[in-house]
Amino acid sequence: MRWIAAFFVVFVGCVYSLPADTGITADLAAETARMVVQMRRQIPPSPAPASDVCSNCNGTGKVGDGRISSTCIACRGTGKTLKSVCVEGCKP
């Protein structure tokens, strides 16, 4: 319960501390959004799994609900992830 009171005090303090000029407020919001985007770009992507097992079908080569199944499109029924090879003209 005391966290609600603390949150309310911080929230009210932040609202009343904003500048009265809406142009400045909009500039601050735009700068904050730009900084968030910049920070997200610095996070390295997660590494690919070390396993060859297809993540779509869990290595079975089939996808379905148990009664109906079909060949996995991602691995073409092999159960292993496909390695793509880029030739001239492909985009990274």
PDB file of N, CA and C in Angstrom:
ATOM      1  N   MET A   1       0.818  -1.188   0.000  1.00  0.00           N
ATOM      2  CA  MET A   1       0.000   0.000   0.000  1.00  0.00           C
ATOM      3  C   MET A   1       0.863   1.254   0.000  1.00  0.00           C
ATOM      4  N   ARG A   2       1.999   1.193   0.682  1.00  0.00           N
ATOM      5  CA  ARG A   2       2.854   2.381   0.725  1.00  0.00           C
ATOM      6  C   ARG A   2       3.488   2.668  -0.631  1.00  0.00           C
ATOM      7  N   TRP A   3       3.627   1.639  -1.503  1.00  0.00           N
ATOM      8  CA  TRP A   3       4.167   1.872  -2.845  1.00  0.00           C
ATOM      9  C   TRP A   3       3.214   2.712  -3.679  1.00  0.00           C
ATOM     10  N   ILE A   4       1.911   2.532  -3.463  1.00  0.00           N
ATOM     11  CA  ILE A   4       0.927   3.324  -4.201  1.00  0.00           C
ATOM     12  C   ILE A   4       1.068   4.796  -3.829  1.00  0.00           C
ATOM     13  N   ALA A   5       1.246   5.059  -2.555  1.00  0.00           N
ATOM     14  CA  ALA A   5       1.416   6.448  -2.118  1.00  0.00           C
ATOM     15  C   ALA A   5       2.699   7.041  -2.690  1.00  0.00           C
ATOM     16  N   ALA A   6       3.781   6.278  -2.662  1.00  0.00           N
ATOM     17  CA  ALA A   6       5.050   6.770  -3.210  1.00  0.00           C
ATOM     18  C   ALA A   6       4.938   7.003  -4.712  1.00  0.00           C
ATOM     19  N   PHE A   7       4.292   6.085  -5.423  1.00  0.00           N
ATOM     20  CA  PHE A   7       4.091   6.250  -6.860  1.00  0.00           C
ATOM     21  C   PHE A   7       3.265   7.492  -7.152  1.00  0.00           C
ATOM     22  N   PHE A   8       2.224   7.720  -6.369  1.00  0.00           N
ATOM     23  CA  PHE A   8       1.372   8.889  -6.576  1.00  0.00           C
ATOM     24  C   PHE A   8       2.160  10.176  -6.383  1.00  0.00           C
ATOM     25  N   VAL A   9       2.999  10.227  -5.348  1.00  0.00           N
ATOM     26  CA  VAL A   9       3.796  11.429  -5.084  1.00  0.00           C
ATOM     27  C   VAL A   9       4.761  11.682  -6.236  1.00  0.00           C
ATOM     28  N   VAL A  10       5.418  10.636  -6.730  1.00  0.00           N
ATOM     29  CA  VAL A  10       6.362  10.794  -7.841  1.00  0.00           C
ATOM     30  C   VAL A  10       5.618  11.205  -9.106  1.00  0.00           C
ATOM     31  N   PHE A  11       4.492  10.579  -9.364  1.00  0.00           N
ATOM     32  CA  PHE A  11       3.717  10.889 -10.565  1.00  0.00           C
ATOM     33  C   PHE A  11       3.221  12.326 -10.551  1.00  0.00           C
ATOM     34  N   VAL A  12       2.676  12.768  -9.446  1.00  0.00           N
ATOM     35  CA  VAL A  12       2.180  14.140  -9.344  1.00  0.00           C
ATOM     36  C   VAL A  12       3.335  15.114  -9.459  1.00  0.00           C
ATOM     37  N   GLY A  13       4.458  14.796  -8.861  1.00  0.00           N
ATOM     38  CA  GLY A  13       5.621  15.676  -8.964  1.00  0.00           C
ATOM     39  C   GLY A  13       6.121  15.790 -10.388  1.00  0.00           C
ATOM     40  N   CYS A  14       6.067  14.697 -11.147  1.00  0.00           N
ATOM     41  CA  CYS A  14       6.509  14.739 -12.537  1.00  0.00           C
ATOM     42  C   CYS A  14       5.546  15.536 -13.404  1.00  0.00           C
ATOM     43  N   VAL A  15       4.273  15.415 -13.142  1.00  0.00           N
ATOM     44  CA  VAL A  15       3.287  16.132 -13.948  1.00  0.00           C
ATOM     45  C   VAL A  15       3.391  17.624 -13.722  1.00  0.00           C
ATOM     46  N   TYR A  16       3.546  18.031 -12.490  1.00  0.00           N
ATOM     47  CA  TYR A  16       3.610  19.458 -12.201  1.00  0.00           C
ATOM     48  C   TYR A  16       4.950  20.069 -12.580  1.00  0.00           C
ATOM     49  N   SER A  17       5.967  19.263 -12.833  1.00  0.00           N
ATOM     50  CA  SER A  17       7.267  19.819 -13.175  1.00  0.00           C
ATOM     51  C   SER A  17       7.452  20.008 -14.679  1.00  0.00           C
ATOM     52  N   LEU A  18       6.471  19.599 -15.488  1.00  0.00           N
ATOM     53  CA  LEU A  18       6.577  19.783 -16.928  1.00  0.00           C
ATOM     54  C   LEU A  18       6.459  21.256 -17.286  1.00  0.00           C
ATOM     55  N   PRO A  19       7.165  21.690 -18.312  1.00  0.00           N
ATOM     56  CA  PRO A  19       7.061  23.090 -18.714  1.00  0.00           C
ATOM     57  C   PRO A  19       5.662  23.420 -19.235  1.00  0.00           C
ATOM     58  N   ALA A  20       5.282  24.681 -19.106  1.00  0.00           N
ATOM     59  CA  ALA A  20       3.952  25.104 -19.547  1.00  0.00           C
ATOM     60  C   ALA A  20       3.885  25.210 -21.072  1.00  0.00           C
ATOM     61  N   ASP A  21       5.007  25.406 -21.720  1.00  0.00           N
ATOM     62  CA  ASP A  21       5.037  25.541 -23.176  1.00  0.00           C
ATOM     63  C   ASP A  21       4.904  24.151 -23.809  1.00  0.00           C
ATOM     64  N   THR A  22       3.904  23.957 -24.654  1.00  0.00           N
ATOM     65  CA  THR A  22       3.690  22.649 -25.263  1.00  0.00           C
ATOM     66  C   THR A  22       4.770  22.298 -26.274  1.00  0.00           C
ATOM     67  N   GLY A  23       5.390  23.292 -26.880  1.00  0.00           N
ATOM     68  CA  GLY A  23       6.481  23.028 -27.820  1.00  0.00           C
ATOM     69  C   GLY A  23       7.670  22.387 -27.136  1.00  0.00           C
ATOM     70  N   ILE A  24       7.993  22.870 -25.954  1.00  0.00           N
ATOM     71  CA  ILE A  24       9.105  22.301 -25.196  1.00  0.00           C
ATOM     72  C   ILE A  24       8.758  20.884 -24.755  1.00  0.00           C
ATOM     73  N   THR A  25       7.526  20.674 -24.328  1.00  0.00           N
ATOM     74  CA  THR A  25       7.096  19.346 -23.912  1.00  0.00           C
ATOM     75  C   THR A  25       7.176  18.358 -25.076  1.00  0.00           C
ATOM     76  N   ALA A  26       6.761  18.786 -26.264  1.00  0.00           N
ATOM     77  CA  ALA A  26       6.836  17.917 -27.436  1.00  0.00           C
ATOM     78  C   ALA A  26       8.288  17.615 -27.798  1.00  0.00           C
ATOM     79  N   ASP A  27       9.170  18.616 -27.673  1.00  0.00           N
ATOM     80  CA  ASP A  27      10.590  18.392 -27.953  1.00  0.00           C
ATOM     81  C   ASP A  27      11.189  17.390 -26.972  1.00  0.00           C
ATOM     82  N   LEU A  28      10.813  17.503 -25.703  1.00  0.00           N
ATOM     83  CA  LEU A  28      11.312  16.559 -24.710  1.00  0.00           C
ATOM     84  C   LEU A  28      10.830  15.138 -25.006  1.00  0.00           C
ATOM     85  N   ALA A  29       9.574  15.009 -25.416  1.00  0.00           N
ATOM     86  CA  ALA A  29       9.046  13.686 -25.742  1.00  0.00           C
ATOM     87  C   ALA A  29       9.752  13.097 -26.954  1.00  0.00           C
ATOM     88  N   ALA A  30      10.019  13.918 -27.963  1.00  0.00           N
ATOM     89  CA  ALA A  30      10.712  13.440 -29.162  1.00  0.00           C
ATOM     90  C   ALA A  30      12.145  13.029 -28.834  1.00  0.00           C
ATOM     91  N   GLU A  31      12.826  13.802 -28.006  1.00  0.00           N
ATOM     92  CA  GLU A  31      14.198  13.465 -27.623  1.00  0.00           C
ATOM     93  C   GLU A  31      14.229  12.170 -26.815  1.00  0.00           C
ATOM     94  N   THR A  32      13.263  11.986 -25.938  1.00  0.00           N
ATOM     95  CA  THR A  32      13.202  10.759 -25.147  1.00  0.00           C
ATOM     96  C   THR A  32      12.983   9.553 -26.056  1.00  0.00           C
ATOM     97  N   ALA A  33      12.088   9.683 -27.029  1.00  0.00           N
ATOM     98  CA  ALA A  33      11.843   8.584 -27.960  1.00  0.00           C
ATOM     99  C   ALA A  33      13.090   8.286 -28.784  1.00  0.00           C
ATOM    100  N   ARG A  34      13.818   9.315 -29.213  1.00  0.00           N
ATOM    101  CA  ARG A  34      15.045   9.113 -29.980  1.00  0.00           C
ATOM    102  C   ARG A  34      16.095   8.383 -29.146  1.00  0.00           C
ATOM    103  N   MET A  35      16.206   8.758 -27.872  1.00  0.00           N
ATOM    104  CA  MET A  35      17.185   8.102 -27.009  1.00  0.00           C
ATOM    105  C   MET A  35      16.830   6.636 -26.780  1.00  0.00           C
ATOM    106  N   VAL A  36      15.547   6.334 -26.650  1.00  0.00           N
ATOM    107  CA  VAL A  36      15.128   4.948 -26.468  1.00  0.00           C
ATOM    108  C   VAL A  36      15.479   4.121 -27.700  1.00  0.00           C
ATOM    109  N   VAL A  37      15.254   4.671 -28.885  1.00  0.00           N
ATOM    110  CA  VAL A  37      15.585   3.957 -30.121  1.00  0.00           C
ATOM    111  C   VAL A  37      17.089   3.740 -30.219  1.00  0.00           C
ATOM    112  N   GLN A  38      17.874   4.732 -29.865  1.00  0.00           N
ATOM    113  CA  GLN A  38      19.328   4.593 -29.895  1.00  0.00           C
ATOM    114  C   GLN A  38      19.802   3.514 -28.921  1.00  0.00           C
ATOM    115  N   MET A  39      19.190   3.454 -27.742  1.00  0.00           N
ATOM    116  CA  MET A  39      19.580   2.444 -26.755  1.00  0.00           C
ATOM    117  C   MET A  39      19.216   1.043 -27.241  1.00  0.00           C
ATOM    118  N   ARG A  40      18.101   0.896 -27.941  1.00  0.00           N
ATOM    119  CA  ARG A  40      17.710  -0.412 -28.446  1.00  0.00           C
ATOM    120  C   ARG A  40      18.648  -0.890 -29.530  1.00  0.00           C
ATOM    121  N   ARG A  41      19.223   0.007 -30.277  1.00  0.00           N
ATOM    122  CA  ARG A  41      20.164  -0.383 -31.337  1.00  0.00           C
ATOM    123  C   ARG A  41      21.463  -0.919 -30.762  1.00  0.00           C
ATOM    124  N   GLN A  42      21.811  -0.547 -29.546  1.00  0.00           N
ATOM    125  CA  GLN A  42      23.072  -0.969 -28.961  1.00  0.00           C
ATOM    126  C   GLN A  42      23.013  -2.374 -28.391  1.00  0.00           C
ATOM    127  N   ILE A  43      21.823  -2.919 -28.194  1.00  0.00           N
ATOM    128  CA  ILE A  43      21.693  -4.259 -27.638  1.00  0.00           C
ATOM    129  C   ILE A  43      22.009  -5.266 -28.736  1.00  0.00           C
ATOM    130  N   PRO A  44      23.002  -6.116 -28.539  1.00  0.00           N
ATOM    131  CA  PRO A  44      23.345  -7.085 -29.578  1.00  0.00           C
ATOM    132  C   PRO A  44      22.245  -8.133 -29.737  1.00  0.00           C
ATOM    133  N   PRO A  45      22.053  -8.620 -30.945  1.00  0.00           N
ATOM    134  CA  PRO A  45      21.027  -9.649 -31.147  1.00  0.00           C
ATOM    135  C   PRO A  45      21.418 -10.942 -30.438  1.00  0.00           C
ATOM    136  N   SER A  46      20.430 -11.704 -30.045  1.00  0.00           N
ATOM    137  CA  SER A  46      20.710 -12.958 -29.356  1.00  0.00           C
ATOM    138  C   SER A  46      21.307 -13.958 -30.343  1.00  0.00           C
ATOM    139  N   PRO A  47      22.244 -14.759 -29.893  1.00  0.00           N
ATOM    140  CA  PRO A  47      22.878 -15.708 -30.814  1.00  0.00           C
ATOM    141  C   PRO A  47      21.909 -16.814 -31.233  1.00  0.00           C
ATOM    142  N   ALA A  48      22.145 -17.350 -32.402  1.00  0.00           N
ATOM    143  CA  ALA A  48      21.316 -18.441 -32.912  1.00  0.00           C
ATOM    144  C   ALA A  48      21.568 -19.692 -32.069  1.00  0.00           C
ATOM    145  N   PRO A  49      20.580 -20.533 -31.923  1.00  0.00           N
ATOM    146  CA  PRO A  49      20.798 -21.756 -31.145  1.00  0.00           C
ATOM    147  C   PRO A  49      21.860 -22.637 -31.795  1.00  0.00           C
ATOM    148  N   ALA A  50      22.620 -23.327 -30.972  1.00  0.00           N
ATOM    149  CA  ALA A  50      23.715 -24.156 -31.466  1.00  0.00           C
ATOM    150  C   ALA A  50      23.217 -25.473 -32.060  1.00  0.00           C
ATOM    151  N   SER A  51      21.975 -25.796 -31.870  1.00  0.00           N
ATOM    152  CA  SER A  51      21.431 -27.061 -32.313  1.00  0.00           C
ATOM    153  C   SER A  51      20.996 -27.002 -33.777  1.00  0.00           C
ATOM    154  N   ASP A  52      21.007 -28.153 -34.447  1.00  0.00           N
ATOM    155  CA  ASP A  52      20.529 -28.245 -35.823  1.00  0.00           C
ATOM    156  C   ASP A  52      19.034 -28.521 -35.889  1.00  0.00           C
ATOM    157  N   VAL A  53      18.396 -28.729 -34.753  1.00  0.00           N
ATOM    158  CA  VAL A  53      16.985 -29.105 -34.713  1.00  0.00           C
ATOM    159  C   VAL A  53      16.123 -27.917 -35.140  1.00  0.00           C
ATOM    160  N   CYS A  54      15.167 -28.186 -36.006  1.00  0.00           N
ATOM    161  CA  CYS A  54      14.240 -27.154 -36.480  1.00  0.00           C
ATOM    162  C   CYS A  54      13.382 -26.677 -35.310  1.00  0.00           C
ATOM    163  N   SER A  55      13.307 -25.358 -35.118  1.00  0.00           N
ATOM    164  CA  SER A  55      12.528 -24.819 -34.003  1.00  0.00           C
ATOM    165  C   SER A  55      11.036 -24.806 -34.310  1.00  0.00           C
ATOM    166  N   ASN A  56      10.657 -24.952 -35.564  1.00  0.00           N
ATOM    167  CA  ASN A  56       9.251 -24.940 -35.942  1.00  0.00           C
ATOM    168  C   ASN A  56       8.575 -26.277 -35.618  1.00  0.00           C
ATOM    169  N   CYS A  57       9.247 -27.396 -35.893  1.00  0.00           N
ATOM    170  CA  CYS A  57       8.642 -28.722 -35.674  1.00  0.00           C
ATOM    171  C   CYS A  57       9.354 -29.519 -34.585  1.00  0.00           C
ATOM    172  N   ASN A  58      10.348 -28.936 -33.929  1.00  0.00           N
ATOM    173  CA  ASN A  58      11.143 -29.602 -32.883  1.00  0.00           C
ATOM    174  C   ASN A  58      11.837 -30.858 -33.392  1.00  0.00           C
ATOM    175  N   GLY A  59      12.235 -30.869 -34.663  1.00  0.00           N
ATOM    176  CA  GLY A  59      12.999 -31.964 -35.223  1.00  0.00           C
ATOM    177  C   GLY A  59      12.189 -33.127 -35.746  1.00  0.00           C
ATOM    178  N   THR A  60      10.876 -33.037 -35.726  1.00  0.00           N
ATOM    179  CA  THR A  60      10.054 -34.159 -36.195  1.00  0.00           C
ATOM    180  C   THR A  60       9.830 -34.125 -37.701  1.00  0.00           C
ATOM    181  N   GLY A  61       9.891 -32.950 -38.318  1.00  0.00           N
ATOM    182  CA  GLY A  61       9.638 -32.822 -39.750  1.00  0.00           C
ATOM    183  C   GLY A  61       8.169 -32.669 -40.082  1.00  0.00           C
ATOM    184  N   LYS A  62       7.320 -32.787 -39.077  1.00  0.00           N
ATOM    185  CA  LYS A  62       5.869 -32.656 -39.257  1.00  0.00           C
ATOM    186  C   LYS A  62       5.327 -31.619 -38.284  1.00  0.00           C
ATOM    187  N   VAL A  63       4.317 -30.884 -38.723  1.00  0.00           N
ATOM    188  CA  VAL A  63       3.619 -29.950 -37.848  1.00  0.00           C
ATOM    189  C   VAL A  63       2.131 -30.265 -37.902  1.00  0.00           C
ATOM    190  N   GLY A  64       1.463 -30.088 -36.794  1.00  0.00           N
ATOM    191  CA  GLY A  64       0.033 -30.351 -36.745  1.00  0.00           C
ATOM    192  C   GLY A  64      -0.452 -30.405 -35.317  1.00  0.00           C
ATOM    193  N   ASP A  65      -1.735 -30.753 -35.158  1.00  0.00           N
ATOM    194  CA  ASP A  65      -2.334 -30.784 -33.834  1.00  0.00           C
ATOM    195  C   ASP A  65      -2.446 -32.198 -33.263  1.00  0.00           C
ATOM    196  N   GLY A  66      -1.880 -33.184 -33.912  1.00  0.00           N
ATOM    197  CA  GLY A  66      -1.950 -34.558 -33.436  1.00  0.00           C
ATOM    198  C   GLY A  66      -2.860 -35.412 -34.291  1.00  0.00           C
ATOM    199  N   ARG A  67      -3.954 -34.846 -34.742  1.00  0.00           N
ATOM    200  CA  ARG A  67      -4.854 -35.582 -35.630  1.00  0.00           C
ATOM    201  C   ARG A  67      -4.504 -35.308 -37.087  1.00  0.00           C
ATOM    202  N   ILE A  68      -4.208 -34.068 -37.390  1.00  0.00           N
ATOM    203  CA  ILE A  68      -3.859 -33.677 -38.750  1.00  0.00           C
ATOM    204  C   ILE A  68      -2.429 -33.158 -38.720  1.00  0.00           C
ATOM    205  N   SER A  69      -1.577 -33.643 -39.616  1.00  0.00           N
ATOM    206  CA  SER A  69      -0.207 -33.155 -39.671  1.00  0.00           C
ATOM    207  C   SER A  69       0.197 -32.973 -41.125  1.00  0.00           C
ATOM    208  N   SER A  70       1.173 -32.112 -41.299  1.00  0.00           N
ATOM    209  CA  SER A  70       1.713 -31.866 -42.638  1.00  0.00           C
ATOM    210  C   SER A  70       3.214 -31.663 -42.524  1.00  0.00           C
ATOM    211  N   THR A  71       3.867 -31.655 -43.640  1.00  0.00           N
ATOM    212  CA  THR A  71       5.316 -31.486 -43.673  1.00  0.00           C
ATOM    213  C   THR A  71       5.680 -30.070 -43.241  1.00  0.00           C
ATOM    214  N   CYS A  72       6.688 -29.953 -42.428  1.00  0.00           N
ATOM    215  CA  CYS A  72       7.153 -28.658 -41.947  1.00  0.00           C
ATOM    216  C   CYS A  72       7.737 -27.861 -43.109  1.00  0.00           C
ATOM    217  N   ILE A  73       7.275 -26.648 -43.267  1.00  0.00           N
ATOM    218  CA  ILE A  73       7.748 -25.796 -44.363  1.00  0.00           C
ATOM    219  C   ILE A  73       9.145 -25.259 -44.064  1.00  0.00           C
ATOM    220  N   ALA A  74       9.424 -24.965 -42.794  1.00  0.00           N
ATOM    221  CA  ALA A  74      10.702 -24.352 -42.437  1.00  0.00           C
ATOM    222  C   ALA A  74      11.887 -25.273 -42.720  1.00  0.00           C
ATOM    223  N   CYS A  75      11.746 -26.578 -42.478  1.00  0.00           N
ATOM    224  CA  CYS A  75      12.861 -27.511 -42.682  1.00  0.00           C
ATOM    225  C   CYS A  75      12.614 -28.466 -43.848  1.00  0.00           C
ATOM    226  N   ARG A  76      11.477 -28.320 -44.496  1.00  0.00           N
ATOM    227  CA  ARG A  76      11.081 -29.170 -45.624  1.00  0.00           C
ATOM    228  C   ARG A  76      11.043 -30.650 -45.255  1.00  0.00           C
ATOM    229  N   GLY A  77      10.669 -30.937 -43.996  1.00  0.00           N
ATOM    230  CA  GLY A  77      10.497 -32.314 -43.559  1.00  0.00           C
ATOM    231  C   GLY A  77      11.751 -33.002 -43.082  1.00  0.00           C
ATOM    232  N   THR A  78      12.892 -32.318 -43.071  1.00  0.00           N
ATOM    233  CA  THR A  78      14.130 -32.960 -42.635  1.00  0.00           C
ATOM    234  C   THR A  78      14.304 -32.949 -41.123  1.00  0.00           C
ATOM    235  N   GLY A  79      13.678 -31.997 -40.432  1.00  0.00           N
ATOM    236  CA  GLY A  79      13.831 -31.876 -38.989  1.00  0.00           C
ATOM    237  C   GLY A  79      15.045 -31.077 -38.578  1.00  0.00           C
ATOM    238  N   LYS A  80      15.823 -30.623 -39.538  1.00  0.00           N
ATOM    239  CA  LYS A  80      17.014 -29.824 -39.257  1.00  0.00           C
ATOM    240  C   LYS A  80      16.871 -28.456 -39.917  1.00  0.00           C
ATOM    241  N   THR A  81      17.490 -27.451 -39.306  1.00  0.00           N
ATOM    242  CA  THR A  81      17.406 -26.112 -39.870  1.00  0.00           C
ATOM    243  C   THR A  81      18.146 -26.069 -41.199  1.00  0.00           C
ATOM    244  N   LEU A  82      17.586 -25.346 -42.140  1.00  0.00           N
ATOM    245  CA  LEU A  82      18.207 -25.215 -43.449  1.00  0.00           C
ATOM    246  C   LEU A  82      19.232 -24.098 -43.420  1.00  0.00           C
ATOM    247  N   LYS A  83      20.352 -24.335 -44.006  1.00  0.00           N
ATOM    248  CA  LYS A  83      21.397 -23.320 -44.117  1.00  0.00           C
ATOM    249  C   LYS A  83      21.180 -22.571 -45.424  1.00  0.00           C
ATOM    250  N   SER A  84      21.059 -21.265 -45.343  1.00  0.00           N
ATOM    251  CA  SER A  84      20.868 -20.492 -46.570  1.00  0.00           C
ATOM    252  C   SER A  84      22.224 -20.047 -47.096  1.00  0.00           C
ATOM    253  N   VAL A  85      22.378 -20.100 -48.381  1.00  0.00           N
ATOM    254  CA  VAL A  85      23.611 -19.687 -49.025  1.00  0.00           C
ATOM    255  C   VAL A  85      23.281 -18.499 -49.913  1.00  0.00           C
ATOM    256  N   CYS A  86      23.987 -17.433 -49.706  1.00  0.00           N
ATOM    257  CA  CYS A  86      23.731 -16.210 -50.459  1.00  0.00           C
ATOM    258  C   CYS A  86      24.637 -16.179 -51.690  1.00  0.00           C
ATOM    259  N   VAL A  87      24.035 -15.994 -52.825  1.00  0.00           N
ATOM    260  CA  VAL A  87      24.789 -15.829 -54.059  1.00  0.00           C
ATOM    261  C   VAL A  87      24.750 -14.371 -54.457  1.00  0.00           C
ATOM    262  N   GLU A  88      25.403 -14.012 -55.512  1.00  0.00           N
ATOM    263  CA  GLU A  88      25.445 -12.616 -55.939  1.00  0.00           C
ATOM    264  C   GLU A  88      24.038 -12.046 -56.091  1.00  0.00           C
ATOM    265  N   GLY A  89      23.869 -10.840 -55.614  1.00  0.00           N
ATOM    266  CA  GLY A  89      22.606 -10.168 -55.789  1.00  0.00           C
ATOM    267  C   GLY A  89      21.630 -10.311 -54.639  1.00  0.00           C
ATOM    268  N   CYS A  90      21.921 -11.178 -53.663  1.00  0.00           N
ATOM    269  CA  CYS A  90      20.969 -11.288 -52.542  1.00  0.00           C
ATOM    270  C   CYS A  90      21.256 -10.195 -51.528  1.00  0.00           C
ATOM    271  N   LYS A  91      20.232  -9.810 -50.837  1.00  0.00           N
ATOM    272  CA  LYS A  91      20.356  -8.724 -49.862  1.00  0.00           C
ATOM    273  C   LYS A  91      20.545  -9.316 -48.468  1.00  0.00           C
ATOM    274  N   PRO A  92      21.430  -8.757 -47.657  1.00  0.00           N
ATOM    275  CA  PRO A  92      21.646  -9.266 -46.308  1.00  0.00           C
ATOM    276  C   PRO A  92      20.496  -8.961 -45.390  1.00  0.00           C
TER     277      PRO A  92
END
